[in-house]
């Protein structure tokens, strides 16, 4: 999984990619959490966009977003991350709205979202 940390990486995202293998994708940490929108301009393959709230709950799965479509895709609520996967992979992996996710080295702690290069730990 690639991680888009810088503004430049987040702006480019998966644009111009000819293909993705199953399970490949890109995570976009959104710090501080806020309303964001994505589009498919310059994207050559269908993608699933998974919007993740600060508590780790998937609030929206925009399945099989159309390549090249300039229409904004958003969750309408603040999110802490957006995950882009190959179109259809969210369903194949059993990911659905309401599921909770985390990855990396998450340990018991108090406080808010921890998002680093290799970790996303939801707010308590």
Protein backbone atom coordinates (compact mmCIF):
# COMPACT_ATOMS: atom_id res chain seq x y z
CA UNK A 1 0.00 0.00 0.00
CA UNK A 2 1.41 3.37 -0.99
CA UNK A 3 0.97 6.36 1.30
CA UNK A 4 0.40 9.86 -0.07
CA UNK A 5 1.83 12.12 2.64
CA UNK A 6 2.89 15.29 0.85
CA UNK A 7 0.53 17.71 -0.93
CA UNK A 8 2.22 16.76 -4.22
CA UNK A 9 1.70 13.03 -3.61
CA UNK A 10 -1.91 13.64 -2.62
CA UNK A 11 -2.57 15.77 -5.71
CA UNK A 12 -1.14 13.12 -8.06
CA UNK A 13 -2.56 10.08 -6.28
CA UNK A 14 -3.04 7.17 -8.68
CA UNK A 15 -3.39 9.35 -11.78
CA UNK A 16 -1.98 7.91 -15.02
CA UNK A 17 -1.55 4.38 -13.64
CA UNK A 18 -2.33 1.76 -16.28
CA UNK A 19 -3.15 -0.98 -13.77
CA UNK A 20 -3.24 -2.01 -10.11
CA UNK A 21 -3.01 -5.54 -8.77
CA UNK A 22 -5.52 -6.86 -6.26
CA UNK A 23 -4.79 -5.42 -2.84
CA UNK A 24 -2.66 -2.56 -4.18
CA UNK A 25 -3.70 1.01 -3.62
CA UNK A 26 -2.93 4.29 -1.92
CA UNK A 27 -3.89 5.75 1.45
CA UNK A 28 -4.33 9.48 1.89
CA UNK A 29 -4.01 10.59 5.54
CA UNK A 30 -6.16 13.71 6.06
CA UNK A 31 -4.73 15.72 8.95
CA UNK A 32 -6.43 17.42 10.54
CA UNK A 33 -9.60 15.45 9.69
CA UNK A 34 -11.91 17.48 7.42
CA UNK A 35 -14.35 17.27 4.53
CA UNK A 36 -12.48 16.42 1.33
CA UNK A 37 -13.41 15.58 -2.23
CA UNK A 38 -11.62 13.45 -4.80
CA UNK A 39 -12.08 13.18 -8.54
CA UNK A 40 -10.97 10.77 -11.22
CA UNK A 41 -9.45 13.30 -13.64
CA UNK A 42 -6.34 11.79 -15.21
CA UNK A 43 -7.09 8.38 -13.72
CA UNK A 44 -6.99 5.53 -16.24
CA UNK A 45 -8.53 2.73 -14.15
CA UNK A 46 -11.68 2.34 -12.06
CA UNK A 47 -11.05 2.81 -8.34
CA UNK A 48 -12.89 2.20 -5.08
CA UNK A 49 -12.62 5.22 -2.77
CA UNK A 50 -13.06 4.37 0.91
CA UNK A 51 -13.64 7.35 3.23
CA UNK A 52 -12.56 6.70 6.84
CA UNK A 53 -13.65 8.80 9.83
CA UNK A 54 -11.33 9.63 12.76
CA UNK A 55 -12.82 6.74 14.79
CA UNK A 56 -11.75 4.31 12.04
CA UNK A 57 -15.28 3.76 10.74
CA UNK A 58 -15.78 3.53 6.99
CA UNK A 59 -18.38 6.18 6.25
CA UNK A 60 -18.54 5.78 2.47
CA UNK A 61 -17.40 3.36 -0.20
CA UNK A 62 -17.54 4.95 -3.65
CA UNK A 63 -17.29 1.76 -5.69
CA UNK A 64 -15.81 1.58 -9.17
CA UNK A 65 -15.42 5.32 -9.69
CA UNK A 66 -15.20 5.96 -13.43
CA UNK A 67 -11.80 6.74 -14.95
CA UNK A 68 -11.44 10.35 -16.09
CA UNK A 69 -14.67 11.53 -14.42
CA UNK A 70 -14.25 15.10 -13.08
CA UNK A 71 -17.31 14.83 -10.80
CA UNK A 72 -16.31 15.34 -7.13
CA UNK A 73 -16.58 12.28 -4.87
CA UNK A 74 -16.94 13.00 -1.16
CA UNK A 75 -18.33 11.67 2.11
CA UNK A 76 -20.03 14.87 3.34
CA UNK A 77 -18.46 14.44 6.80
CA UNK A 78 -14.93 15.01 8.11
CA UNK A 79 -12.59 12.10 7.39
CA UNK A 80 -9.13 11.17 8.66
CA UNK A 81 -8.14 9.11 5.63
CA UNK A 82 -9.21 8.04 2.17
CA UNK A 83 -8.13 4.68 0.76
CA UNK A 84 -8.04 4.11 -2.99
CA UNK A 85 -8.15 0.52 -4.21
CA UNK A 86 -8.55 -1.12 -7.59
CA UNK A 87 -12.21 -0.96 -8.65
CA UNK A 88 -14.13 -3.85 -7.09
CA UNK A 89 -11.52 -4.70 -4.46
CA UNK A 90 -13.45 -3.16 -1.55
CA UNK A 91 -16.32 -5.55 -2.17
CA UNK A 92 -14.00 -8.50 -2.83
CA UNK A 93 -12.25 -7.79 0.49
CA UNK A 94 -15.58 -7.47 2.32
CA UNK A 95 -15.12 -3.78 3.14
CA UNK A 96 -18.39 -1.95 3.77
CA UNK A 97 -19.77 1.21 5.29
CA UNK A 98 -19.81 0.91 9.08
CA UNK A 99 -16.75 -1.37 9.26
CA UNK A 100 -13.83 -0.15 11.36
CA UNK A 101 -10.25 -0.16 10.12
CA UNK A 102 -6.74 0.49 11.38
CA UNK A 103 -3.28 -0.50 10.22
CA UNK A 104 0.29 -0.42 11.37
CA UNK A 105 1.59 -0.30 14.92
CA UNK A 106 -1.49 0.70 16.92
CA UNK A 107 -1.16 0.31 20.67
CA UNK A 108 -3.37 1.26 23.59
CA UNK A 109 -3.32 5.03 24.04
CA UNK A 110 -5.49 8.01 24.83
CA UNK A 111 -6.04 10.91 22.50
CA UNK A 112 -6.75 11.54 18.86
CA UNK A 113 -5.86 10.07 15.53
CA UNK A 114 -2.30 8.84 15.04
CA UNK A 115 -1.33 8.88 11.37
CA UNK A 116 2.25 8.28 10.38
CA UNK A 117 3.87 6.82 7.31
CA UNK A 118 3.10 3.25 8.35
CA UNK A 119 0.20 3.59 10.80
CA UNK A 120 -3.38 4.76 11.09
CA UNK A 121 -4.74 4.42 14.60
CA UNK A 122 -8.30 5.67 15.04
CA UNK A 123 -9.29 8.13 17.72
CA UNK A 124 -10.65 6.54 20.87
